[in-house]
Amino acid sequence: PDADPCDDCLDVCVVEKMPKLKVLLLLPTAFFGKHVRFSDVIH
C-alpha cells in the first residue's frame, strides 16, 4: 500500500504458505491494503 513510483525504493510483499481457505479470505482484503495486518504470513 505504501509503494511510491517516485521514491528510490521498491516495496516487497512476501506471502508465506497458508491454508487455502485463509488465502481465499485474505485475498479480497488486499484490495484495501488490509492484508498487511497478518504479519505472521505476510511480510
PDB file of all heavy atoms in Angstrom:
ATOM      1  N   PRO A   1       0.796  -1.238   0.000  1.00  0.00           N
ATOM      2  CA  PRO A   1       0.000   0.000   0.000  1.00  0.00           C
ATOM      3  C   PRO A   1       0.822   1.279   0.000  1.00  0.00           C
ATOM      4  O   PRO A   1       0.317   2.334  -0.396  1.00  0.00           O
ATOM      5  CB  PRO A   1      -0.819  -0.113   1.292  1.00  0.00           C
ATOM      6  CG  PRO A   1      -0.813  -1.557   1.640  1.00  0.00           C
ATOM      7  CD  PRO A   1       0.493  -2.089   1.150  1.00  0.00           C
ATOM      8  N   ASP A   2       2.082   1.222   0.453  1.00  0.00           N
ATOM      9  CA  ASP A   2       2.898   2.439   0.551  1.00  0.00           C
ATOM     10  C   ASP A   2       3.863   2.614  -0.623  1.00  0.00           C
ATOM     11  O   ASP A   2       4.700   3.524  -0.596  1.00  0.00           O
ATOM     12  CB  ASP A   2       3.693   2.430   1.861  1.00  0.00           C
ATOM     13  CG  ASP A   2       2.792   2.470   3.090  1.00  0.00           C
ATOM     14  OD1 ASP A   2       1.740   3.138   3.023  1.00  0.00           O
ATOM     15  OD2 ASP A   2       3.138   1.822   4.098  1.00  0.00           O
ATOM     16  N   ALA A   3       3.762   1.768  -1.631  1.00  0.00           N
ATOM     17  CA  ALA A   3       4.678   1.887  -2.769  1.00  0.00           C
ATOM     18  C   ALA A   3       4.515   3.232  -3.465  1.00  0.00           C
ATOM     19  O   ALA A   3       3.401   3.709  -3.677  1.00  0.00           O
ATOM     20  CB  ALA A   3       4.425   0.753  -3.758  1.00  0.00           C
ATOM     21  N   ASP A   4       5.649   3.838  -3.816  1.00  0.00           N
ATOM     22  CA  ASP A   4       5.668   5.162  -4.451  1.00  0.00           C
ATOM     23  C   ASP A   4       6.590   5.108  -5.662  1.00  0.00           C
ATOM     24  O   ASP A   4       7.787   4.853  -5.523  1.00  0.00           O
ATOM     25  CB  ASP A   4       6.169   6.208  -3.447  1.00  0.00           C
ATOM     26  CG  ASP A   4       6.169   7.621  -4.010  1.00  0.00           C
ATOM     27  OD1 ASP A   4       6.020   7.800  -5.235  1.00  0.00           O
ATOM     28  OD2 ASP A   4       6.338   8.566  -3.216  1.00  0.00           O
ATOM     29  N   PRO A   5       6.066   5.349  -6.870  1.00  0.00           N
ATOM     30  CA  PRO A   5       6.894   5.227  -8.075  1.00  0.00           C
ATOM     31  C   PRO A   5       7.955   6.305  -8.228  1.00  0.00           C
ATOM     32  O   PRO A   5       8.796   6.208  -9.129  1.00  0.00           O
ATOM     33  CB  PRO A   5       5.871   5.323  -9.210  1.00  0.00           C
ATOM     34  CG  PRO A   5       4.753   6.136  -8.638  1.00  0.00           C
ATOM     35  CD  PRO A   5       4.682   5.740  -7.196  1.00  0.00           C
ATOM     36  N   CYS A   6       7.931   7.313  -7.358  1.00  0.00           N
ATOM     37  CA  CYS A   6       8.903   8.393  -7.480  1.00  0.00           C
ATOM     38  C   CYS A   6       9.964   8.364  -6.384  1.00  0.00           C
ATOM     39  O   CYS A   6      10.818   9.252  -6.332  1.00  0.00           O
ATOM     40  CB  CYS A   6       8.194   9.749  -7.482  1.00  0.00           C
ATOM     41  SG  CYS A   6       7.133  10.012  -8.918  1.00  0.00           S
ATOM     42  N   ASP A   7       9.887   7.381  -5.472  1.00  0.00           N
ATOM     43  CA  ASP A   7      10.948   7.292  -4.475  1.00  0.00           C
ATOM     44  C   ASP A   7      12.069   6.392  -5.003  1.00  0.00           C
ATOM     45  O   ASP A   7      12.018   5.913  -6.128  1.00  0.00           O
ATOM     46  CB  ASP A   7      10.415   6.818  -3.115  1.00  0.00           C
ATOM     47  CG  ASP A   7       9.911   5.375  -3.131  1.00  0.00           C
ATOM     48  OD1 ASP A   7      10.181   4.650  -4.103  1.00  0.00           O
ATOM     49  OD2 ASP A   7       9.231   4.989  -2.161  1.00  0.00           O
ATOM     50  N   ASP A   8      13.064   6.168  -4.200  1.00  0.00           N
ATOM     51  CA  ASP A   8      14.240   5.423  -4.662  1.00  0.00           C
ATOM     52  C   ASP A   8      14.227   3.969  -4.216  1.00  0.00           C
ATOM     53  O   ASP A   8      15.275   3.323  -4.160  1.00  0.00           O
ATOM     54  CB  ASP A   8      15.525   6.101  -4.157  1.00  0.00           C
ATOM     55  CG  ASP A   8      15.753   7.448  -4.822  1.00  0.00           C
ATOM     56  OD1 ASP A   8      15.325   7.602  -5.976  1.00  0.00           O
ATOM     57  OD2 ASP A   8      16.350   8.331  -4.189  1.00  0.00           O
ATOM     58  N   CYS A   9      13.027   3.444  -3.903  1.00  0.00           N
ATOM     59  CA  CYS A   9      12.943   2.078  -3.399  1.00  0.00           C
ATOM     60  C   CYS A   9      11.806   1.311  -4.065  1.00  0.00           C
ATOM     61  O   CYS A   9      10.849   1.900  -4.569  1.00  0.00           O
ATOM     62  CB  CYS A   9      12.709   2.075  -1.888  1.00  0.00           C
ATOM     63  SG  CYS A   9      14.112   2.655  -0.910  1.00  0.00           S
ATOM     64  N   LEU A  10      11.950   0.004  -4.045  1.00  0.00           N
ATOM     65  CA  LEU A  10      10.860  -0.898  -4.386  1.00  0.00           C
ATOM     66  C   LEU A  10      10.289  -1.455  -3.092  1.00  0.00           C
ATOM     67  O   LEU A  10      11.023  -1.686  -2.130  1.00  0.00           O
ATOM     68  CB  LEU A  10      11.364  -2.050  -5.260  1.00  0.00           C
ATOM     69  CG  LEU A  10      11.820  -1.682  -6.670  1.00  0.00           C
ATOM     70  CD1 LEU A  10      12.610  -2.835  -7.277  1.00  0.00           C
ATOM     71  CD2 LEU A  10      10.633  -1.331  -7.549  1.00  0.00           C
ATOM     72  N   ASP A  11       8.998  -1.650  -3.045  1.00  0.00           N
ATOM     73  CA  ASP A  11       8.357  -2.281  -1.896  1.00  0.00           C
ATOM     74  C   ASP A  11       8.132  -3.753  -2.231  1.00  0.00           C
ATOM     75  O   ASP A  11       7.795  -4.092  -3.373  1.00  0.00           O
ATOM     76  CB  ASP A  11       7.035  -1.595  -1.576  1.00  0.00           C
ATOM     77  CG  ASP A  11       7.236  -0.195  -0.992  1.00  0.00           C
ATOM     78  OD1 ASP A  11       8.016   0.584  -1.563  1.00  0.00           O
ATOM     79  OD2 ASP A  11       6.615   0.113   0.022  1.00  0.00           O
ATOM     80  N   VAL A  12       8.324  -4.606  -1.244  1.00  0.00           N
ATOM     81  CA  VAL A  12       8.285  -6.048  -1.467  1.00  0.00           C
ATOM     82  C   VAL A  12       7.250  -6.685  -0.548  1.00  0.00           C
ATOM     83  O   VAL A  12       7.170  -6.353   0.637  1.00  0.00           O
ATOM     84  CB  VAL A  12       9.662  -6.700  -1.190  1.00  0.00           C
ATOM     85  CG1 VAL A  12       9.652  -8.165  -1.598  1.00  0.00           C
ATOM     86  CG2 VAL A  12      10.775  -5.938  -1.913  1.00  0.00           C
ATOM     87  N   CYS A  13       6.458  -7.595  -1.113  1.00  0.00           N
ATOM     88  CA  CYS A  13       5.469  -8.335  -0.345  1.00  0.00           C
ATOM     89  C   CYS A  13       5.732  -9.833  -0.527  1.00  0.00           C
ATOM     90  O   CYS A  13       5.668 -10.344  -1.646  1.00  0.00           O
ATOM     91  CB  CYS A  13       4.049  -7.994  -0.797  1.00  0.00           C
ATOM     92  SG  CYS A  13       2.745  -8.935   0.037  1.00  0.00           S
ATOM     93  N   VAL A  14       6.054 -10.512   0.582  1.00  0.00           N
ATOM     94  CA  VAL A  14       6.259 -11.958   0.562  1.00  0.00           C
ATOM     95  C   VAL A  14       5.080 -12.615   1.277  1.00  0.00           C
ATOM     96  O   VAL A  14       4.766 -12.263   2.415  1.00  0.00           O
ATOM     97  CB  VAL A  14       7.568 -12.361   1.262  1.00  0.00           C
ATOM     98  CG1 VAL A  14       7.744 -13.882   1.222  1.00  0.00           C
ATOM     99  CG2 VAL A  14       8.763 -11.675   0.614  1.00  0.00           C
ATOM    100  N   VAL A  15       4.436 -13.548   0.606  1.00  0.00           N
ATOM    101  CA  VAL A  15       3.299 -14.250   1.191  1.00  0.00           C
ATOM    102  C   VAL A  15       3.684 -15.707   1.409  1.00  0.00           C
ATOM    103  O   VAL A  15       3.973 -16.435   0.458  1.00  0.00           O
ATOM    104  CB  VAL A  15       2.050 -14.161   0.278  1.00  0.00           C
ATOM    105  CG1 VAL A  15       0.889 -14.941   0.889  1.00  0.00           C
ATOM    106  CG2 VAL A  15       1.663 -12.705   0.070  1.00  0.00           C
ATOM    107  N   GLU A  16       3.721 -16.104   2.681  1.00  0.00           N
ATOM    108  CA  GLU A  16       4.065 -17.488   3.006  1.00  0.00           C
ATOM    109  C   GLU A  16       2.864 -18.401   2.827  1.00  0.00           C
ATOM    110  O   GLU A  16       1.707 -17.971   2.776  1.00  0.00           O
ATOM    111  CB  GLU A  16       4.572 -17.571   4.447  1.00  0.00           C
ATOM    112  CG  GLU A  16       5.910 -16.891   4.666  1.00  0.00           C
ATOM    113  CD  GLU A  16       6.547 -17.307   5.978  1.00  0.00           C
ATOM    114  OE1 GLU A  16       7.030 -18.451   6.069  1.00  0.00           O
ATOM    115  OE2 GLU A  16       6.547 -16.479   6.914  1.00  0.00           O
ATOM    116  N   LYS A  17       3.163 -19.694   2.751  1.00  0.00           N
ATOM    117  CA  LYS A  17       2.119 -20.688   2.578  1.00  0.00           C
ATOM    118  C   LYS A  17       1.156 -20.665   3.757  1.00  0.00           C
ATOM    119  O   LYS A  17       1.568 -20.515   4.910  1.00  0.00           O
ATOM    120  CB  LYS A  17       2.732 -22.082   2.439  1.00  0.00           C
ATOM    121  CG  LYS A  17       1.702 -23.175   2.153  1.00  0.00           C
ATOM    122  CD  LYS A  17       2.370 -24.527   1.969  1.00  0.00           C
ATOM    123  CE  LYS A  17       1.330 -25.608   1.695  1.00  0.00           C
ATOM    124  NZ  LYS A  17       1.953 -26.939   1.495  1.00  0.00           N
ATOM    125  N   MET A  18      -0.108 -20.808   3.456  1.00  0.00           N
ATOM    126  CA  MET A  18      -1.160 -20.837   4.472  1.00  0.00           C
ATOM    127  C   MET A  18      -2.307 -21.681   3.946  1.00  0.00           C
ATOM    128  O   MET A  18      -2.343 -22.000   2.745  1.00  0.00           O
ATOM    129  CB  MET A  18      -1.634 -19.403   4.782  1.00  0.00           C
ATOM    130  CG  MET A  18      -2.330 -18.719   3.617  1.00  0.00           C
ATOM    131  SD  MET A  18      -2.735 -16.982   3.928  1.00  0.00           S
ATOM    132  CE  MET A  18      -1.177 -16.193   3.450  1.00  0.00           C
ATOM    133  N   PRO A  19      -3.247 -22.074   4.797  1.00  0.00           N
ATOM    134  CA  PRO A  19      -4.399 -22.838   4.299  1.00  0.00           C
ATOM    135  C   PRO A  19      -5.121 -22.079   3.192  1.00  0.00           C
ATOM    136  O   PRO A  19      -5.253 -20.845   3.243  1.00  0.00           O
ATOM    137  CB  PRO A  19      -5.280 -23.000   5.541  1.00  0.00           C
ATOM    138  CG  PRO A  19      -4.335 -22.894   6.688  1.00  0.00           C
ATOM    139  CD  PRO A  19      -3.294 -21.899   6.261  1.00  0.00           C
ATOM    140  N   LYS A  20      -5.561 -22.806   2.179  1.00  0.00           N
ATOM    141  CA  LYS A  20      -6.189 -22.150   1.036  1.00  0.00           C
ATOM    142  C   LYS A  20      -7.444 -21.387   1.418  1.00  0.00           C
ATOM    143  O   LYS A  20      -7.783 -20.366   0.801  1.00  0.00           O
ATOM    144  CB  LYS A  20      -6.493 -23.183  -0.053  1.00  0.00           C
ATOM    145  CG  LYS A  20      -5.226 -23.731  -0.709  1.00  0.00           C
ATOM    146  CD  LYS A  20      -5.520 -24.709  -1.818  1.00  0.00           C
ATOM    147  CE  LYS A  20      -4.227 -25.226  -2.430  1.00  0.00           C
ATOM    148  NZ  LYS A  20      -4.452 -26.217  -3.499  1.00  0.00           N
ATOM    149  N   LEU A  21      -8.149 -21.835   2.441  1.00  0.00           N
ATOM    150  CA  LEU A  21      -9.316 -21.100   2.904  1.00  0.00           C
ATOM    151  C   LEU A  21      -8.905 -19.732   3.434  1.00  0.00           C
ATOM    152  O   LEU A  21      -9.588 -18.731   3.200  1.00  0.00           O
ATOM    153  CB  LEU A  21     -10.054 -21.885   3.992  1.00  0.00           C
ATOM    154  CG  LEU A  21     -11.287 -21.199   4.592  1.00  0.00           C
ATOM    155  CD1 LEU A  21     -12.311 -20.889   3.505  1.00  0.00           C
ATOM    156  CD2 LEU A  21     -11.911 -22.055   5.694  1.00  0.00           C
ATOM    157  N   LYS A  22      -7.756 -19.671   4.107  1.00  0.00           N
ATOM    158  CA  LYS A  22      -7.259 -18.390   4.609  1.00  0.00           C
ATOM    159  C   LYS A  22      -6.868 -17.478   3.455  1.00  0.00           C
ATOM    160  O   LYS A  22      -7.116 -16.262   3.500  1.00  0.00           O
ATOM    161  CB  LYS A  22      -6.067 -18.617   5.535  1.00  0.00           C
ATOM    162  CG  LYS A  22      -5.613 -17.353   6.273  1.00  0.00           C
ATOM    163  CD  LYS A  22      -4.568 -17.667   7.326  1.00  0.00           C
ATOM    164  CE  LYS A  22      -4.190 -16.406   8.104  1.00  0.00           C
ATOM    165  NZ  LYS A  22      -3.199 -16.703   9.171  1.00  0.00           N
ATOM    166  N   VAL A  23      -6.240 -18.059   2.423  1.00  0.00           N
ATOM    167  CA  VAL A  23      -5.916 -17.265   1.223  1.00  0.00           C
ATOM    168  C   VAL A  23      -7.195 -16.682   0.633  1.00  0.00           C
ATOM    169  O   VAL A  23      -7.255 -15.500   0.267  1.00  0.00           O
ATOM    170  CB  VAL A  23      -5.203 -18.126   0.164  1.00  0.00           C
ATOM    171  CG1 VAL A  23      -4.920 -17.295  -1.085  1.00  0.00           C
ATOM    172  CG2 VAL A  23      -3.908 -18.700   0.705  1.00  0.00           C
ATOM    173  N   LEU A  24      -8.219 -17.519   0.557  1.00  0.00           N
ATOM    174  CA  LEU A  24      -9.490 -17.102  -0.017  1.00  0.00           C
ATOM    175  C   LEU A  24     -10.093 -15.940   0.769  1.00  0.00           C
ATOM    176  O   LEU A  24     -10.670 -15.006   0.190  1.00  0.00           O
ATOM    177  CB  LEU A  24     -10.459 -18.289  -0.028  1.00  0.00           C
ATOM    178  CG  LEU A  24     -11.761 -18.127  -0.804  1.00  0.00           C
ATOM    179  CD1 LEU A  24     -11.478 -17.920  -2.284  1.00  0.00           C
ATOM    180  CD2 LEU A  24     -12.644 -19.355  -0.621  1.00  0.00           C
ATOM    181  N   LEU A  25      -9.922 -15.969   2.087  1.00  0.00           N
ATOM    182  CA  LEU A  25     -10.464 -14.909   2.930  1.00  0.00           C
ATOM    183  C   LEU A  25      -9.599 -13.648   2.896  1.00  0.00           C
ATOM    184  O   LEU A  25     -10.112 -12.528   2.977  1.00  0.00           O
ATOM    185  CB  LEU A  25     -10.590 -15.410   4.372  1.00  0.00           C
ATOM    186  CG  LEU A  25     -11.604 -16.539   4.604  1.00  0.00           C
ATOM    187  CD1 LEU A  25     -11.512 -17.047   6.035  1.00  0.00           C
ATOM    188  CD2 LEU A  25     -13.021 -16.050   4.298  1.00  0.00           C
ATOM    189  N   LEU A  26      -8.278 -13.840   2.767  1.00  0.00           N
ATOM    190  CA  LEU A  26      -7.366 -12.697   2.786  1.00  0.00           C
ATOM    191  C   LEU A  26      -7.303 -11.951   1.461  1.00  0.00           C
ATOM    192  O   LEU A  26      -7.094 -10.734   1.436  1.00  0.00           O
ATOM    193  CB  LEU A  26      -5.959 -13.158   3.161  1.00  0.00           C
ATOM    194  CG  LEU A  26      -5.662 -13.436   4.626  1.00  0.00           C
ATOM    195  CD1 LEU A  26      -4.195 -13.785   4.812  1.00  0.00           C
ATOM    196  CD2 LEU A  26      -6.006 -12.233   5.477  1.00  0.00           C
ATOM    197  N   LEU A  27      -7.465 -12.679   0.355  1.00  0.00           N
ATOM    198  CA  LEU A  27      -7.271 -12.067  -0.958  1.00  0.00           C
ATOM    199  C   LEU A  27      -8.121 -10.813  -1.167  1.00  0.00           C
ATOM    200  O   LEU A  27      -7.597  -9.786  -1.621  1.00  0.00           O
ATOM    201  CB  LEU A  27      -7.545 -13.102  -2.059  1.00  0.00           C
ATOM    202  CG  LEU A  27      -7.086 -12.737  -3.473  1.00  0.00           C
ATOM    203  CD1 LEU A  27      -5.584 -12.483  -3.511  1.00  0.00           C
ATOM    204  CD2 LEU A  27      -7.453 -13.846  -4.462  1.00  0.00           C
ATOM    205  N   PRO A  28      -9.418 -10.820  -0.839  1.00  0.00           N
ATOM    206  CA  PRO A  28     -10.203  -9.587  -1.037  1.00  0.00           C
ATOM    207  C   PRO A  28      -9.728  -8.415  -0.186  1.00  0.00           C
ATOM    208  O   PRO A  28      -9.880  -7.252  -0.589  1.00  0.00           O
ATOM    209  CB  PRO A  28     -11.625 -10.015  -0.645  1.00  0.00           C
ATOM    210  CG  PRO A  28     -11.646 -11.496  -0.819  1.00  0.00           C
ATOM    211  CD  PRO A  28     -10.274 -11.949  -0.432  1.00  0.00           C
ATOM    212  N   THR A  29      -9.116  -8.689   0.984  1.00  0.00           N
ATOM    213  CA  THR A  29      -8.651  -7.583   1.831  1.00  0.00           C
ATOM    214  C   THR A  29      -7.485  -6.837   1.183  1.00  0.00           C
ATOM    215  O   THR A  29      -7.204  -5.689   1.532  1.00  0.00           O
ATOM    216  CB  THR A  29      -8.222  -8.086   3.218  1.00  0.00           C
ATOM    217  OG1 THR A  29      -7.011  -8.850   3.109  1.00  0.00           O
ATOM    218  CG2 THR A  29      -9.308  -8.954   3.850  1.00  0.00           C
ATOM    219  N   ALA A  30      -6.800  -7.503   0.221  1.00  0.00           N
ATOM    220  CA  ALA A  30      -5.682  -6.845  -0.461  1.00  0.00           C
ATOM    221  C   ALA A  30      -6.153  -5.721  -1.378  1.00  0.00           C
ATOM    222  O   ALA A  30      -5.361  -4.875  -1.777  1.00  0.00           O
ATOM    223  CB  ALA A  30      -4.874  -7.869  -1.259  1.00  0.00           C
ATOM    224  N   PHE A  31      -7.440  -5.694  -1.733  1.00  0.00           N
ATOM    225  CA  PHE A  31      -7.975  -4.566  -2.489  1.00  0.00           C
ATOM    226  C   PHE A  31      -7.850  -3.277  -1.693  1.00  0.00           C
ATOM    227  O   PHE A  31      -7.796  -2.182  -2.256  1.00  0.00           O
ATOM    228  CB  PHE A  31      -9.452  -4.795  -2.837  1.00  0.00           C
ATOM    229  CG  PHE A  31      -9.670  -5.603  -4.090  1.00  0.00           C
ATOM    230  CD1 PHE A  31     -10.337  -6.817  -4.038  1.00  0.00           C
ATOM    231  CD2 PHE A  31      -9.226  -5.157  -5.313  1.00  0.00           C
ATOM    232  CE1 PHE A  31     -10.559  -7.560  -5.188  1.00  0.00           C
ATOM    233  CE2 PHE A  31      -9.430  -5.888  -6.468  1.00  0.00           C
ATOM    234  CZ  PHE A  31     -10.100  -7.098  -6.407  1.00  0.00           C
ATOM    235  N   PHE A  32      -7.826  -3.401  -0.373  1.00  0.00           N
ATOM    236  CA  PHE A  32      -7.789  -2.235   0.511  1.00  0.00           C
ATOM    237  C   PHE A  32      -6.474  -2.136   1.279  1.00  0.00           C
ATOM    238  O   PHE A  32      -6.314  -1.281   2.134  1.00  0.00           O
ATOM    239  CB  PHE A  32      -8.956  -2.303   1.504  1.00  0.00           C
ATOM    240  CG  PHE A  32     -10.276  -2.601   0.847  1.00  0.00           C
ATOM    241  CD1 PHE A  32     -10.803  -3.896   0.844  1.00  0.00           C
ATOM    242  CD2 PHE A  32     -10.981  -1.597   0.193  1.00  0.00           C
ATOM    243  CE1 PHE A  32     -12.009  -4.173   0.222  1.00  0.00           C
ATOM    244  CE2 PHE A  32     -12.193  -1.874  -0.430  1.00  0.00           C
ATOM    245  CZ  PHE A  32     -12.699  -3.157  -0.423  1.00  0.00           C
ATOM    246  N   GLY A  33      -5.528  -3.016   0.976  1.00  0.00           N
ATOM    247  CA  GLY A  33      -4.243  -2.999   1.651  1.00  0.00           C
ATOM    248  C   GLY A  33      -4.302  -3.474   3.093  1.00  0.00           C
ATOM    249  O   GLY A  33      -3.353  -3.266   3.858  1.00  0.00           O
ATOM    250  N   LYS A  34      -5.379  -4.143   3.484  1.00  0.00           N
ATOM    251  CA  LYS A  34      -5.555  -4.564   4.872  1.00  0.00           C
ATOM    252  C   LYS A  34      -4.878  -5.896   5.169  1.00  0.00           C
ATOM    253  O   LYS A  34      -4.768  -6.302   6.325  1.00  0.00           O
ATOM    254  CB  LYS A  34      -7.048  -4.665   5.206  1.00  0.00           C
ATOM    255  CG  LYS A  34      -7.820  -3.358   5.009  1.00  0.00           C
ATOM    256  CD  LYS A  34      -7.291  -2.251   5.897  1.00  0.00           C
ATOM    257  CE  LYS A  34      -8.129  -0.983   5.758  1.00  0.00           C
ATOM    258  NZ  LYS A  34      -7.572   0.135   6.565  1.00  0.00           N
ATOM    259  N   HIS A  35      -4.426  -6.592   4.141  1.00  0.00           N
ATOM    260  CA  HIS A  35      -3.777  -7.890   4.335  1.00  0.00           C
ATOM    261  C   HIS A  35      -2.473  -7.782   5.106  1.00  0.00           C
ATOM    262  O   HIS A  35      -2.011  -8.759   5.700  1.00  0.00           O
ATOM    263  CB  HIS A  35      -3.500  -8.529   2.970  1.00  0.00           C
ATOM    264  CG  HIS A  35      -2.571  -7.721   2.125  1.00  0.00           C
ATOM    265  ND1 HIS A  35      -2.894  -6.465   1.640  1.00  0.00           N
ATOM    266  CD2 HIS A  35      -1.293  -7.970   1.687  1.00  0.00           C
ATOM    267  CE1 HIS A  35      -1.873  -5.992   0.956  1.00  0.00           C
ATOM    268  NE2 HIS A  35      -0.895  -6.877   0.967  1.00  0.00           N
ATOM    269  N   VAL A  36      -1.865  -6.588   5.109  1.00  0.00           N
ATOM    270  CA  VAL A  36      -0.561  -6.418   5.762  1.00  0.00           C
ATOM    271  C   VAL A  36      -0.649  -6.608   7.269  1.00  0.00           C
ATOM    272  O   VAL A  36       0.379  -6.771   7.934  1.00  0.00           O
ATOM    273  CB  VAL A  36       0.036  -5.032   5.428  1.00  0.00           C
ATOM    274  CG1 VAL A  36       0.247  -4.894   3.927  1.00  0.00           C
ATOM    275  CG2 VAL A  36      -0.857  -3.904   5.938  1.00  0.00           C
ATOM    276  N   ARG A  37      -1.849  -6.594   7.834  1.00  0.00           N
ATOM    277  CA  ARG A  37      -2.005  -6.794   9.273  1.00  0.00           C
ATOM    278  C   ARG A  37      -1.649  -8.220   9.692  1.00  0.00           C
ATOM    279  O   ARG A  37      -1.357  -8.474  10.855  1.00  0.00           O
ATOM    280  CB  ARG A  37      -3.445  -6.483   9.700  1.00  0.00           C
ATOM    281  CG  ARG A  37      -3.845  -5.021   9.498  1.00  0.00           C
ATOM    282  CD  ARG A  37      -5.277  -4.788   9.903  1.00  0.00           C
ATOM    283  NE  ARG A  37      -6.203  -5.545   9.053  1.00  0.00           N
ATOM    284  CZ  ARG A  37      -7.522  -5.525   9.231  1.00  0.00           C
ATOM    285  NH1 ARG A  37      -8.072  -4.828  10.202  1.00  0.00           N
ATOM    286  NH2 ARG A  37      -8.298  -6.239   8.417  1.00  0.00           N
ATOM    287  N   PHE A  38      -1.670  -9.153   8.744  1.00  0.00           N
ATOM    288  CA  PHE A  38      -1.405 -10.556   9.056  1.00  0.00           C
ATOM    289  C   PHE A  38       0.091 -10.838   8.886  1.00  0.00           C
ATOM    290  O   PHE A  38       0.515 -11.556   7.980  1.00  0.00           O
ATOM    291  CB  PHE A  38      -2.258 -11.457   8.160  1.00  0.00           C
ATOM    292  CG  PHE A  38      -3.732 -11.232   8.336  1.00  0.00           C
ATOM    293  CD1 PHE A  38      -4.403 -10.277   7.568  1.00  0.00           C
ATOM    294  CD2 PHE A  38      -4.444 -11.950   9.281  1.00  0.00           C
ATOM    295  CE1 PHE A  38      -5.759 -10.066   7.726  1.00  0.00           C
ATOM    296  CE2 PHE A  38      -5.816 -11.732   9.455  1.00  0.00           C
ATOM    297  CZ  PHE A  38      -6.469 -10.781   8.680  1.00  0.00           C
ATOM    298  N   SER A  39       0.870 -10.243   9.777  1.00  0.00           N
ATOM    299  CA  SER A  39       2.326 -10.269   9.642  1.00  0.00           C
ATOM    300  C   SER A  39       2.933 -11.636   9.925  1.00  0.00           C
ATOM    301  O   SER A  39       4.144 -11.825   9.728  1.00  0.00           O
ATOM    302  CB  SER A  39       2.948  -9.232  10.589  1.00  0.00           C
ATOM    303  OG  SER A  39       2.543  -9.469  11.931  1.00  0.00           O
ATOM    304  N   ASP A  40       2.130 -12.602  10.375  1.00  0.00           N
ATOM    305  CA  ASP A  40       2.668 -13.938  10.595  1.00  0.00           C
ATOM    306  C   ASP A  40       2.927 -14.665   9.276  1.00  0.00           C
ATOM    307  O   ASP A  40       3.811 -15.539   9.197  1.00  0.00           O
ATOM    308  CB  ASP A  40       1.723 -14.770  11.470  1.00  0.00           C
ATOM    309  CG  ASP A  40       0.326 -14.879  10.881  1.00  0.00           C
ATOM    310  OD1 ASP A  40      -0.119 -13.902  10.232  1.00  0.00           O
ATOM    311  OD2 ASP A  40      -0.344 -15.916  11.081  1.00  0.00           O
ATOM    312  N   VAL A  41       2.190 -14.296   8.236  1.00  0.00           N
ATOM    313  CA  VAL A  41       2.345 -14.959   6.937  1.00  0.00           C
ATOM    314  C   VAL A  41       2.627 -13.972   5.802  1.00  0.00           C
ATOM    315  O   VAL A  41       2.969 -14.389   4.698  1.00  0.00           O
ATOM    316  CB  VAL A  41       1.093 -15.796   6.579  1.00  0.00           C
ATOM    317  CG1 VAL A  41       0.987 -17.014   7.475  1.00  0.00           C
ATOM    318  CG2 VAL A  41      -0.175 -14.941   6.663  1.00  0.00           C
ATOM    319  N   ILE A  42       2.481 -12.676   6.055  1.00  0.00           N
ATOM    320  CA  ILE A  42       2.703 -11.655   5.031  1.00  0.00           C
ATOM    321  C   ILE A  42       3.779 -10.694   5.519  1.00  0.00           C
ATOM    322  O   ILE A  42       3.662 -10.103   6.595  1.00  0.00           O
ATOM    323  CB  ILE A  42       1.409 -10.904   4.700  1.00  0.00           C
ATOM    324  CG1 ILE A  42       0.389 -11.869   4.076  1.00  0.00           C
ATOM    325  CG2 ILE A  42       1.680  -9.737   3.750  1.00  0.00           C
ATOM    326  CD1 ILE A  42      -0.969 -11.288   3.858  1.00  0.00           C
ATOM    327  N   HIS A  43       4.838 -10.530   4.724  1.00  0.00           N
ATOM    328  CA  HIS A  43       5.984  -9.730   5.124  1.00  0.00           C
ATOM    329  C   HIS A  43       6.212  -8.607   4.111  1.00  0.00           C
ATOM    330  O   HIS A  43       6.226  -8.851   2.903  1.00  0.00           O
ATOM    331  CB  HIS A  43       7.231 -10.607   5.226  1.00  0.00           C
ATOM    332  CG  HIS A  43       7.018 -11.862   6.016  1.00  0.00           C
ATOM    333  ND1 HIS A  43       7.033 -11.890   7.388  1.00  0.00           N
ATOM    334  CD2 HIS A  43       6.743 -13.138   5.616  1.00  0.00           C
ATOM    335  CE1 HIS A  43       6.796 -13.124   7.818  1.00  0.00           C
ATOM    336  NE2 HIS A  43       6.608 -13.902   6.750  1.00  0.00           N
TER     337      HIS A  43
END
